Amino acid sequence: MAQVATESATTAFSDRLAAAVERKRSQLCVGLDPRVDLLPVELRGDPPADAVARFCRGIVDAVAPHAVAVKPQLAFFEALGAEGMRALEEVCAYARAAELLVIVDGKRGDIGSTGRGYAAAYLEGDAPLGDALTVNPYLGRDSLDPFLSACRRSGAGLFCLVKTSNTGGADVQDLALSDGRTVWMQVAKLVDEWGEELVGANGLSSVGAVVGATFPREVGEARRLMPRAVLLLPGVGEQGGTPADVARAFTSGPASGLVSASRSVIYAYRNGGGDWRASAGIEAARLRADVWAVSGW
């Protein structure tokens, strides 16, 4: 763990990501969304937090050869109380020891000391919980300043919500501005500006954006508006998105997009039976190959 923490402090997140993509020839991020009611039967006799930790460690083992990152969703750990947060810490450390980047999916964003607290909790310290954090930029620049400072100090990364994969996001994100652009397009412009000072040696910024794979046309527009941002692309699999839908995300380089798949990978065993670890590994390998093929690299 000490080695990982040292590397994080000296190398920009975007450069660490680019190195992992080149090494593994993969742009796959596996979401860790451990629902207790969906865990394999063999784990259900354990206390819930222990079962979740065992499950996530097994998924990490299965997908580590095929993915460059995992994305633990905080809600599923927080729901289990203090023991769930202990499990989260254990899982994040286990994933980083397996040489996977950890993107903490918390969608945090608040002003002043609250934002500084979130940044310290997830991105800073001798052995930070994550390499990157999802954040909500809709409170404006001052809500992101603590996170941007953490990126500068510790080499962390951010993924700002821009055009999300849920249909309800259109209620706000697709509203038209006076110049004809949408709200999400203005947020994309801001994300590009905020990330300008955090561009790594590979030309990509450590300030990335979340853009739903469920909106293929918007993926292409997001790439045009944010040419230096790494696009985190949820929605492939259970939500109906496909690797082909996100091909335009990769025009800024092989590491300029990360396809995030959660349920379709970690619960793959529910579709065909068999060992849950093996099923997750098979699905991760398939997605890795499909995404790499459409990325054009």
C-alpha atoms as a PDB file:
ATOM      1  CA  MET A   1       0.000   0.000   0.000  1.00  0.00           C
ATOM      2  CA  ALA A   2       2.829   2.442   0.727  1.00  0.00           C
ATOM      3  CA  GLN A   3       4.112   2.099  -2.829  1.00  0.00           C
ATOM      4  CA  VAL A   4       0.668   2.804  -4.287  1.00  0.00           C
ATOM      5  CA  ALA A   5       0.269   5.893  -2.123  1.00  0.00           C
ATOM      6  CA  THR A   6       3.683   7.224  -3.164  1.00  0.00           C
ATOM      7  CA  GLU A   7       2.926   6.762  -6.849  1.00  0.00           C
ATOM      8  CA  SER A   8      -0.416   8.532  -6.413  1.00  0.00           C
ATOM      9  CA  ALA A   9       1.309  11.546  -4.900  1.00  0.00           C
ATOM     10  CA  THR A  10       3.821  11.942  -7.726  1.00  0.00           C
ATOM     11  CA  THR A  11       1.941  10.925 -10.874  1.00  0.00           C
ATOM     12  CA  ALA A  12      -1.237  12.471 -12.279  1.00  0.00           C
ATOM     13  CA  PHE A  13      -4.299  10.234 -12.276  1.00  0.00           C
ATOM     14  CA  SER A  14      -4.702  10.564 -16.041  1.00  0.00           C
ATOM     15  CA  ASP A  15      -1.138   9.344 -16.569  1.00  0.00           C
ATOM     16  CA  ARG A  16      -1.608   6.388 -14.215  1.00  0.00           C
ATOM     17  CA  LEU A  17      -4.770   5.509 -16.095  1.00  0.00           C
ATOM     18  CA  ALA A  18      -3.051   5.790 -19.488  1.00  0.00           C
ATOM     19  CA  ALA A  19      -0.261   3.492 -18.310  1.00  0.00           C
ATOM     20  CA  ALA A  20      -2.781   0.906 -17.114  1.00  0.00           C
ATOM     21  CA  VAL A  21      -4.744   1.060 -20.373  1.00  0.00           C
ATOM     22  CA  GLU A  22      -1.589   0.568 -22.414  1.00  0.00           C
ATOM     23  CA  ARG A  23      -0.383  -2.289 -20.214  1.00  0.00           C
ATOM     24  CA  LYS A  24      -3.675  -4.201 -20.200  1.00  0.00           C
ATOM     25  CA  ARG A  25      -5.118  -3.071 -23.539  1.00  0.00           C
ATOM     26  CA  SER A  26      -8.337  -2.467 -21.685  1.00  0.00           C
ATOM     27  CA  GLN A  27     -10.714   0.432 -21.030  1.00  0.00           C
ATOM     28  CA  LEU A  28     -13.010  -1.481 -18.702  1.00  0.00           C
ATOM     29  CA  CYS A  29     -14.091  -0.258 -15.280  1.00  0.00           C
ATOM     30  CA  VAL A  30     -16.149  -2.699 -13.201  1.00  0.00           C
ATOM     31  CA  GLY A  31     -18.656  -1.196 -10.812  1.00  0.00           C
ATOM     32  CA  LEU A  32     -18.901  -2.795  -7.384  1.00  0.00           C
ATOM     33  CA  ASP A  33     -22.580  -2.532  -6.438  1.00  0.00           C
ATOM     34  CA  PRO A  34     -22.933  -5.259  -3.794  1.00  0.00           C
ATOM     35  CA  ARG A  35     -26.614  -5.795  -2.990  1.00  0.00           C
ATOM     36  CA  VAL A  36     -27.003  -8.224  -0.107  1.00  0.00           C
ATOM     37  CA  ASP A  37     -30.173  -9.747  -1.604  1.00  0.00           C
ATOM     38  CA  LEU A  38     -28.323 -10.618  -4.834  1.00  0.00           C
ATOM     39  CA  LEU A  39     -25.203 -12.180  -3.342  1.00  0.00           C
ATOM     40  CA  PRO A  40     -24.413 -15.835  -4.076  1.00  0.00           C
ATOM     41  CA  VAL A  41     -26.064 -18.308  -1.719  1.00  0.00           C
ATOM     42  CA  GLU A  42     -22.715 -19.427  -0.317  1.00  0.00           C
ATOM     43  CA  LEU A  43     -22.156 -15.953   1.146  1.00  0.00           C
ATOM     44  CA  ARG A  44     -25.533 -15.362   2.713  1.00  0.00           C
ATOM     45  CA  GLY A  45     -24.695 -17.039   6.016  1.00  0.00           C
ATOM     46  CA  ASP A  46     -22.053 -14.403   6.756  1.00  0.00           C
ATOM     47  CA  PRO A  47     -22.806 -11.088   8.481  1.00  0.00           C
ATOM     48  CA  PRO A  48     -23.859  -8.686   5.680  1.00  0.00           C
ATOM     49  CA  ALA A  49     -20.719  -6.536   5.693  1.00  0.00           C
ATOM     50  CA  ASP A  50     -18.459  -9.594   5.735  1.00  0.00           C
ATOM     51  CA  ALA A  51     -20.430 -11.129   2.878  1.00  0.00           C
ATOM     52  CA  VAL A  52     -20.126  -7.935   0.857  1.00  0.00           C
ATOM     53  CA  ALA A  53     -16.388  -7.776   1.450  1.00  0.00           C
ATOM     54  CA  ARG A  54     -15.909 -11.416   0.437  1.00  0.00           C
ATOM     55  CA  PHE A  55     -18.027 -10.912  -2.670  1.00  0.00           C
ATOM     56  CA  CYS A  56     -16.154  -7.807  -3.783  1.00  0.00           C
ATOM     57  CA  ARG A  57     -12.770  -9.420  -3.171  1.00  0.00           C
ATOM     58  CA  GLY A  58     -13.864 -12.354  -5.328  1.00  0.00           C
ATOM     59  CA  ILE A  59     -15.004  -9.999  -8.088  1.00  0.00           C
ATOM     60  CA  VAL A  60     -11.682  -8.131  -7.920  1.00  0.00           C
ATOM     61  CA  ASP A  61      -9.808 -11.414  -8.324  1.00  0.00           C
ATOM     62  CA  ALA A  62     -11.985 -12.337 -11.303  1.00  0.00           C
ATOM     63  CA  VAL A  63     -11.809  -9.060 -13.200  1.00  0.00           C
ATOM     64  CA  ALA A  64      -8.277  -7.874 -12.375  1.00  0.00           C
ATOM     65  CA  PRO A  65      -6.768  -9.444 -15.529  1.00  0.00           C
ATOM     66  CA  HIS A  66      -9.328  -7.691 -17.729  1.00  0.00           C
ATOM     67  CA  ALA A  67     -10.157  -4.316 -16.131  1.00  0.00           C
ATOM     68  CA  VAL A  68      -8.089  -1.244 -15.337  1.00  0.00           C
ATOM     69  CA  ALA A  69     -10.346   0.051 -12.567  1.00  0.00           C
ATOM     70  CA  VAL A  70     -13.135  -0.786 -10.178  1.00  0.00           C
ATOM     71  CA  LYS A  71     -15.823   1.645  -9.045  1.00  0.00           C
ATOM     72  CA  PRO A  72     -17.269   0.896  -5.602  1.00  0.00           C
ATOM     73  CA  GLN A  73     -20.637   2.580  -5.147  1.00  0.00           C
ATOM     74  CA  LEU A  74     -20.662   4.118  -1.671  1.00  0.00           C
ATOM     75  CA  ALA A  75     -24.404   3.730  -1.140  1.00  0.00           C
ATOM     76  CA  PHE A  76     -24.259  -0.051  -0.904  1.00  0.00           C
ATOM     77  CA  PHE A  77     -21.531   0.118   1.739  1.00  0.00           C
ATOM     78  CA  GLU A  78     -23.020   3.032   3.665  1.00  0.00           C
ATOM     79  CA  ALA A  79     -26.307   1.147   3.952  1.00  0.00           C
ATOM     80  CA  LEU A  80     -24.533  -1.391   6.156  1.00  0.00           C
ATOM     81  CA  GLY A  81     -23.379   1.179   8.697  1.00  0.00           C
ATOM     82  CA  ALA A  82     -19.969   1.258  10.320  1.00  0.00           C
ATOM     83  CA  GLU A  83     -19.205  -2.328   9.330  1.00  0.00           C
ATOM     84  CA  GLY A  84     -20.063  -1.486   5.744  1.00  0.00           C
ATOM     85  CA  MET A  85     -17.551   1.338   5.738  1.00  0.00           C
ATOM     86  CA  ARG A  86     -14.954  -1.029   7.158  1.00  0.00           C
ATOM     87  CA  ALA A  87     -15.764  -3.386   4.281  1.00  0.00           C
ATOM     88  CA  LEU A  88     -15.353  -0.506   1.825  1.00  0.00           C
ATOM     89  CA  GLU A  89     -11.886   0.291   3.127  1.00  0.00           C
ATOM     90  CA  GLU A  90     -10.927  -3.371   2.921  1.00  0.00           C
ATOM     91  CA  VAL A  91     -12.217  -3.726  -0.635  1.00  0.00           C
ATOM     92  CA  CYS A  92     -10.503  -0.536  -1.857  1.00  0.00           C
ATOM     93  CA  ALA A  93      -7.166  -1.631  -0.374  1.00  0.00           C
ATOM     94  CA  TYR A  94      -7.578  -5.095  -1.879  1.00  0.00           C
ATOM     95  CA  ALA A  95      -8.300  -3.665  -5.333  1.00  0.00           C
ATOM     96  CA  ARG A  96      -5.324  -1.329  -5.240  1.00  0.00           C
ATOM     97  CA  ALA A  97      -3.079  -4.183  -4.130  1.00  0.00           C
ATOM     98  CA  ALA A  98      -4.330  -6.004  -7.257  1.00  0.00           C
ATOM     99  CA  GLU A  99      -3.040  -3.019  -9.290  1.00  0.00           C
ATOM    100  CA  LEU A 100      -6.494  -1.744 -10.124  1.00  0.00           C
ATOM    101  CA  LEU A 101      -7.344   1.944  -9.984  1.00  0.00           C
ATOM    102  CA  VAL A 102     -10.180   2.705  -7.566  1.00  0.00           C
ATOM    103  CA  ILE A 103     -12.845   5.222  -8.581  1.00  0.00           C
ATOM    104  CA  VAL A 104     -14.999   5.930  -5.536  1.00  0.00           C
ATOM    105  CA  ASP A 105     -18.550   6.525  -6.744  1.00  0.00           C
ATOM    106  CA  GLY A 106     -19.989   8.974  -4.242  1.00  0.00           C
ATOM    107  CA  LYS A 107     -21.132  11.903  -6.421  1.00  0.00           C
ATOM    108  CA  ARG A 108     -19.953  14.267  -3.709  1.00  0.00           C
ATOM    109  CA  GLY A 109     -20.005  18.031  -4.000  1.00  0.00           C
ATOM    110  CA  ASP A 110     -20.503  20.705  -1.363  1.00  0.00           C
ATOM    111  CA  ILE A 111     -19.144  24.089  -0.406  1.00  0.00           C
ATOM    112  CA  GLY A 112     -16.505  25.225   2.061  1.00  0.00           C
ATOM    113  CA  SER A 113     -15.373  22.969   4.851  1.00  0.00           C
ATOM    114  CA  THR A 114     -17.820  20.234   3.843  1.00  0.00           C
ATOM    115  CA  GLY A 115     -16.196  19.857   0.447  1.00  0.00           C
ATOM    116  CA  ARG A 116     -12.775  19.863   2.052  1.00  0.00           C
ATOM    117  CA  GLY A 117     -13.932  17.080   4.368  1.00  0.00           C
ATOM    118  CA  TYR A 118     -15.099  14.926   1.467  1.00  0.00           C
ATOM    119  CA  ALA A 119     -11.854  15.498  -0.417  1.00  0.00           C
ATOM    120  CA  ALA A 120      -9.793  14.560   2.634  1.00  0.00           C
ATOM    121  CA  ALA A 121     -11.922  11.478   3.311  1.00  0.00           C
ATOM    122  CA  TYR A 122     -11.653   9.934  -0.138  1.00  0.00           C
ATOM    123  CA  LEU A 123      -8.647  11.365  -1.984  1.00  0.00           C
ATOM    124  CA  GLU A 124      -5.948  12.413   0.448  1.00  0.00           C
ATOM    125  CA  GLY A 125      -3.694  11.021   3.136  1.00  0.00           C
ATOM    126  CA  ASP A 126      -0.823   8.547   3.161  1.00  0.00           C
ATOM    127  CA  ALA A 127      -3.012   5.791   1.686  1.00  0.00           C
ATOM    128  CA  PRO A 128      -6.109   7.418   0.161  1.00  0.00           C
ATOM    129  CA  LEU A 129      -9.270   5.371  -0.193  1.00  0.00           C
ATOM    130  CA  GLY A 130      -9.510   6.015  -3.919  1.00  0.00           C
ATOM    131  CA  ASP A 131      -7.533   7.174  -6.923  1.00  0.00           C
ATOM    132  CA  ALA A 132     -10.495   9.205  -8.145  1.00  0.00           C
ATOM    133  CA  LEU A 133     -13.945  10.298  -7.016  1.00  0.00           C
ATOM    134  CA  THR A 134     -17.190  11.063  -8.822  1.00  0.00           C
ATOM    135  CA  VAL A 135     -18.389  14.581  -7.998  1.00  0.00           C
ATOM    136  CA  ASN A 136     -21.442  16.718  -8.664  1.00  0.00           C
ATOM    137  CA  PRO A 137     -20.492  20.038 -10.339  1.00  0.00           C
ATOM    138  CA  TYR A 138     -24.019  21.472 -10.348  1.00  0.00           C
ATOM    139  CA  LEU A 139     -23.244  23.548  -7.232  1.00  0.00           C
ATOM    140  CA  GLY A 140     -20.626  25.467  -9.188  1.00  0.00           C
ATOM    141  CA  ARG A 141     -16.878  26.037  -9.090  1.00  0.00           C
ATOM    142  CA  ASP A 142     -16.548  26.747  -5.363  1.00  0.00           C
ATOM    143  CA  SER A 143     -18.016  23.331  -4.578  1.00  0.00           C
ATOM    144  CA  LEU A 144     -15.245  21.672  -6.595  1.00  0.00           C
ATOM    145  CA  ASP A 145     -12.295  23.773  -5.440  1.00  0.00           C
ATOM    146  CA  PRO A 146     -11.407  21.407  -2.545  1.00  0.00           C
ATOM    147  CA  PHE A 147     -11.411  18.446  -4.920  1.00  0.00           C
ATOM    148  CA  LEU A 148      -9.348  20.258  -7.537  1.00  0.00           C
ATOM    149  CA  SER A 149      -6.852  21.134  -4.811  1.00  0.00           C
ATOM    150  CA  ALA A 150      -6.673  17.459  -3.869  1.00  0.00           C
ATOM    151  CA  CYS A 151      -5.902  16.621  -7.496  1.00  0.00           C
ATOM    152  CA  ARG A 152      -3.023  19.086  -7.512  1.00  0.00           C
ATOM    153  CA  ARG A 153      -1.624  17.915  -4.166  1.00  0.00           C
ATOM    154  CA  SER A 154      -2.058  14.161  -4.355  1.00  0.00           C
ATOM    155  CA  GLY A 155      -2.408  13.249  -8.034  1.00  0.00           C
ATOM    156  CA  ALA A 156      -6.075  12.291  -7.614  1.00  0.00           C
ATOM    157  CA  GLY A 157      -8.709  12.300 -10.335  1.00  0.00           C
ATOM    158  CA  LEU A 158     -12.286  13.552 -10.572  1.00  0.00           C
ATOM    159  CA  PHE A 159     -15.230  12.525 -12.702  1.00  0.00           C
ATOM    160  CA  CYS A 160     -17.821  15.294 -12.879  1.00  0.00           C
ATOM    161  CA  LEU A 161     -21.449  14.446 -13.597  1.00  0.00           C
ATOM    162  CA  VAL A 162     -22.222  16.012 -16.955  1.00  0.00           C
ATOM    163  CA  LYS A 163     -24.802  13.978 -18.928  1.00  0.00           C
ATOM    164  CA  THR A 164     -25.950  11.079 -16.789  1.00  0.00           C
ATOM    165  CA  SER A 165     -27.262   7.724 -17.986  1.00  0.00           C
ATOM    166  CA  ASN A 166     -30.708   7.941 -16.339  1.00  0.00           C
ATOM    167  CA  THR A 167     -33.621   9.261 -18.384  1.00  0.00           C
ATOM    168  CA  GLY A 168     -34.670  11.625 -15.584  1.00  0.00           C
ATOM    169  CA  GLY A 169     -31.422  13.544 -15.935  1.00  0.00           C
ATOM    170  CA  ALA A 170     -33.028  15.308 -18.888  1.00  0.00           C
ATOM    171  CA  ASP A 171     -35.299  17.209 -16.475  1.00  0.00           C
ATOM    172  CA  VAL A 172     -32.370  19.520 -15.718  1.00  0.00           C
ATOM    173  CA  GLN A 173     -29.471  18.585 -17.984  1.00  0.00           C
ATOM    174  CA  ASP A 174     -31.364  18.970 -21.270  1.00  0.00           C
ATOM    175  CA  LEU A 175     -32.964  22.325 -20.495  1.00  0.00           C
ATOM    176  CA  ALA A 176     -32.220  24.838 -23.243  1.00  0.00           C
ATOM    177  CA  LEU A 177     -30.222  27.988 -22.562  1.00  0.00           C
ATOM    178  CA  SER A 178     -30.800  31.297 -24.324  1.00  0.00           C
ATOM    179  CA  ASP A 179     -28.085  30.531 -26.891  1.00  0.00           C
ATOM    180  CA  GLY A 180     -29.610  27.171 -27.831  1.00  0.00           C
ATOM    181  CA  ARG A 181     -27.146  25.017 -25.921  1.00  0.00           C
ATOM    182  CA  THR A 182     -28.317  22.750 -23.115  1.00  0.00           C
ATOM    183  CA  VAL A 183     -27.416  22.918 -19.447  1.00  0.00           C
ATOM    184  CA  TRP A 184     -25.216  19.837 -19.717  1.00  0.00           C
ATOM    185  CA  MET A 185     -23.278  21.416 -22.573  1.00  0.00           C
ATOM    186  CA  GLN A 186     -22.505  24.435 -20.406  1.00  0.00           C
ATOM    187  CA  VAL A 187     -21.361  22.116 -17.597  1.00  0.00           C
ATOM    188  CA  ALA A 188     -19.161  20.272 -20.117  1.00  0.00           C
ATOM    189  CA  LYS A 189     -17.566  23.596 -21.109  1.00  0.00           C
ATOM    190  CA  LEU A 190     -16.824  24.348 -17.453  1.00  0.00           C
ATOM    191  CA  VAL A 191     -15.358  20.876 -16.875  1.00  0.00           C
ATOM    192  CA  ASP A 192     -13.010  21.408 -19.797  1.00  0.00           C
ATOM    193  CA  GLU A 193     -11.897  24.746 -18.329  1.00  0.00           C
ATOM    194  CA  TRP A 194     -11.462  23.358 -14.795  1.00  0.00           C
ATOM    195  CA  GLY A 195      -9.346  20.513 -16.106  1.00  0.00           C
ATOM    196  CA  GLU A 196      -6.986  22.659 -18.153  1.00  0.00           C
ATOM    197  CA  GLU A 197      -4.462  23.058 -15.331  1.00  0.00           C
ATOM    198  CA  LEU A 198      -4.454  19.322 -14.579  1.00  0.00           C
ATOM    199  CA  VAL A 199      -3.466  17.924 -17.973  1.00  0.00           C
ATOM    200  CA  GLY A 200      -0.917  15.132 -17.675  1.00  0.00           C
ATOM    201  CA  ALA A 201       1.993  14.134 -19.843  1.00  0.00           C
ATOM    202  CA  ASN A 202      -0.310  12.101 -22.075  1.00  0.00           C
ATOM    203  CA  GLY A 203      -2.487  15.110 -22.939  1.00  0.00           C
ATOM    204  CA  LEU A 204      -5.464  14.023 -20.850  1.00  0.00           C
ATOM    205  CA  SER A 205      -6.764  15.853 -17.815  1.00  0.00           C
ATOM    206  CA  SER A 206      -7.296  14.354 -14.379  1.00  0.00           C
ATOM    207  CA  VAL A 207     -10.669  16.116 -14.396  1.00  0.00           C
ATOM    208  CA  GLY A 208     -12.951  13.757 -16.302  1.00  0.00           C
ATOM    209  CA  ALA A 209     -16.675  13.599 -16.961  1.00  0.00           C
ATOM    210  CA  VAL A 210     -19.508  11.126 -16.506  1.00  0.00           C
ATOM    211  CA  VAL A 211     -21.447  10.739 -19.751  1.00  0.00           C
ATOM    212  CA  GLY A 212     -24.054   8.013 -20.116  1.00  0.00           C
ATOM    213  CA  ALA A 213     -23.461   5.350 -22.740  1.00  0.00           C
ATOM    214  CA  THR A 214     -27.233   5.308 -23.123  1.00  0.00           C
ATOM    215  CA  PHE A 215     -26.986   8.531 -25.177  1.00  0.00           C
ATOM    216  CA  PRO A 216     -24.624   7.766 -28.097  1.00  0.00           C
ATOM    217  CA  ARG A 217     -25.092  11.093 -29.896  1.00  0.00           C
ATOM    218  CA  GLU A 218     -24.344  13.015 -26.709  1.00  0.00           C
ATOM    219  CA  VAL A 219     -21.187  10.947 -26.197  1.00  0.00           C
ATOM    220  CA  GLY A 220     -19.820  12.323 -29.462  1.00  0.00           C
ATOM    221  CA  GLU A 221     -20.822  15.874 -28.565  1.00  0.00           C
ATOM    222  CA  ALA A 222     -19.274  15.517 -25.109  1.00  0.00           C
ATOM    223  CA  ARG A 223     -15.993  14.464 -26.677  1.00  0.00           C
ATOM    224  CA  ARG A 224     -16.055  17.549 -28.897  1.00  0.00           C
ATOM    225  CA  LEU A 225     -16.712  19.843 -25.925  1.00  0.00           C
ATOM    226  CA  MET A 226     -14.188  18.154 -23.625  1.00  0.00           C
ATOM    227  CA  PRO A 227     -11.309  16.968 -25.840  1.00  0.00           C
ATOM    228  CA  ARG A 228      -8.918  16.460 -22.899  1.00  0.00           C
ATOM    229  CA  ALA A 229     -11.312  14.802 -20.458  1.00  0.00           C
ATOM    230  CA  VAL A 230     -11.462  11.103 -19.696  1.00  0.00           C
ATOM    231  CA  LEU A 231     -15.096  10.135 -20.205  1.00  0.00           C
ATOM    232  CA  LEU A 232     -16.497   7.661 -17.671  1.00  0.00           C
ATOM    233  CA  LEU A 233     -19.272   5.895 -19.554  1.00  0.00           C
ATOM    234  CA  PRO A 234     -21.866   4.075 -17.407  1.00  0.00           C
ATOM    235  CA  GLY A 235     -24.923   2.366 -18.815  1.00  0.00           C
ATOM    236  CA  VAL A 236     -23.405  -0.509 -20.806  1.00  0.00           C
ATOM    237  CA  GLY A 237     -25.149  -3.777 -20.039  1.00  0.00           C
ATOM    238  CA  GLU A 238     -28.222  -3.694 -17.800  1.00  0.00           C
ATOM    239  CA  GLN A 239     -29.175  -0.142 -18.834  1.00  0.00           C
ATOM    240  CA  GLY A 240     -29.088  -1.010 -22.519  1.00  0.00           C
ATOM    241  CA  GLY A 241     -25.918   0.680 -23.725  1.00  0.00           C
ATOM    242  CA  THR A 242     -23.452  -1.200 -25.934  1.00  0.00           C
ATOM    243  CA  PRO A 243     -19.719  -0.784 -26.642  1.00  0.00           C
ATOM    244  CA  ALA A 244     -20.560   0.430 -30.142  1.00  0.00           C
ATOM    245  CA  ASP A 245     -22.546   3.314 -28.633  1.00  0.00           C
ATOM    246  CA  VAL A 246     -19.426   4.833 -27.077  1.00  0.00           C
ATOM    247  CA  ALA A 247     -16.902   4.457 -29.914  1.00  0.00           C
ATOM    248  CA  ARG A 248     -16.616   8.234 -30.387  1.00  0.00           C
ATOM    249  CA  ALA A 249     -15.475   8.666 -26.797  1.00  0.00           C
ATOM    250  CA  PHE A 250     -12.026   7.321 -27.687  1.00  0.00           C
ATOM    251  CA  THR A 251     -11.019   9.787 -30.374  1.00  0.00           C
ATOM    252  CA  SER A 252      -8.734  11.584 -27.900  1.00  0.00           C
ATOM    253  CA  GLY A 253      -6.702   8.446 -27.277  1.00  0.00           C
ATOM    254  CA  PRO A 254      -7.087   4.890 -25.979  1.00  0.00           C
ATOM    255  CA  ALA A 255      -7.298   6.086 -22.361  1.00  0.00           C
ATOM    256  CA  SER A 256      -9.763   8.896 -23.066  1.00  0.00           C
ATOM    257  CA  GLY A 257     -12.766   6.707 -22.242  1.00  0.00           C
ATOM    258  CA  LEU A 258     -13.637   4.203 -19.540  1.00  0.00           C
ATOM    259  CA  VAL A 259     -16.631   1.924 -20.012  1.00  0.00           C
ATOM    260  CA  SER A 260     -18.251   1.220 -16.670  1.00  0.00           C
ATOM    261  CA  ALA A 261     -20.272  -1.974 -16.273  1.00  0.00           C
ATOM    262  CA  SER A 262     -21.621  -3.114 -12.939  1.00  0.00           C
ATOM    263  CA  ARG A 263     -24.550  -5.511 -12.676  1.00  0.00           C
ATOM    264  CA  SER A 264     -23.932  -7.197 -16.022  1.00  0.00           C
ATOM    265  CA  VAL A 265     -20.494  -8.271 -14.773  1.00  0.00           C
ATOM    266  CA  ILE A 266     -20.750  -8.842 -11.046  1.00  0.00           C
ATOM    267  CA  TYR A 267     -24.081 -10.672 -11.238  1.00  0.00           C
ATOM    268  CA  ALA A 268     -23.386 -12.478 -14.508  1.00  0.00           C
ATOM    269  CA  TYR A 269     -23.753 -15.815 -12.707  1.00  0.00           C
ATOM    270  CA  ARG A 270     -27.484 -15.154 -12.276  1.00  0.00           C
ATOM    271  CA  ASN A 271     -28.010 -15.427 -16.035  1.00  0.00           C
ATOM    272  CA  GLY A 272     -26.426 -18.789 -16.621  1.00  0.00           C
ATOM    273  CA  GLY A 273     -25.548 -20.301 -13.283  1.00  0.00           C
ATOM    274  CA  GLY A 274     -22.093 -21.577 -12.525  1.00  0.00           C
ATOM    275  CA  ASP A 275     -19.432 -20.127 -10.295  1.00  0.00           C
ATOM    276  CA  TRP A 276     -20.004 -16.426  -9.667  1.00  0.00           C
ATOM    277  CA  ARG A 277     -16.333 -15.531  -9.868  1.00  0.00           C
ATOM    278  CA  ALA A 278     -15.791 -17.379 -13.141  1.00  0.00           C
ATOM    279  CA  SER A 279     -18.937 -15.844 -14.650  1.00  0.00           C
ATOM    280  CA  ALA A 280     -17.775 -12.342 -13.751  1.00  0.00           C
ATOM    281  CA  GLY A 281     -14.369 -12.995 -15.267  1.00  0.00           C
ATOM    282  CA  ILE A 282     -15.854 -14.302 -18.510  1.00  0.00           C
ATOM    283  CA  GLU A 283     -18.151 -11.302 -18.894  1.00  0.00           C
ATOM    284  CA  ALA A 284     -15.350  -8.863 -18.057  1.00  0.00           C
ATOM    285  CA  ALA A 285     -13.094 -10.488 -20.660  1.00  0.00           C
ATOM    286  CA  ARG A 286     -15.848 -10.254 -23.276  1.00  0.00           C
ATOM    287  CA  LEU A 287     -16.531  -6.584 -22.567  1.00  0.00           C
ATOM    288  CA  ARG A 288     -12.843  -5.750 -22.534  1.00  0.00           C
ATOM    289  CA  ALA A 289     -12.394  -7.226 -26.011  1.00  0.00           C
ATOM    290  CA  ASP A 290     -15.543  -5.591 -27.397  1.00  0.00           C
ATOM    291  CA  VAL A 291     -14.656  -2.138 -26.086  1.00  0.00           C
ATOM    292  CA  TRP A 292     -11.054  -2.323 -27.278  1.00  0.00           C
ATOM    293  CA  ALA A 293     -12.267  -3.332 -30.735  1.00  0.00           C
ATOM    294  CA  VAL A 294     -14.666  -0.374 -31.111  1.00  0.00           C
ATOM    295  CA  SER A 295     -12.175   2.107 -29.636  1.00  0.00           C
ATOM    296  CA  GLY A 296     -10.059   1.767 -32.763  1.00  0.00           C
ATOM    297  CA  TRP A 297      -6.775   1.289 -30.932  1.00  0.00           C
END
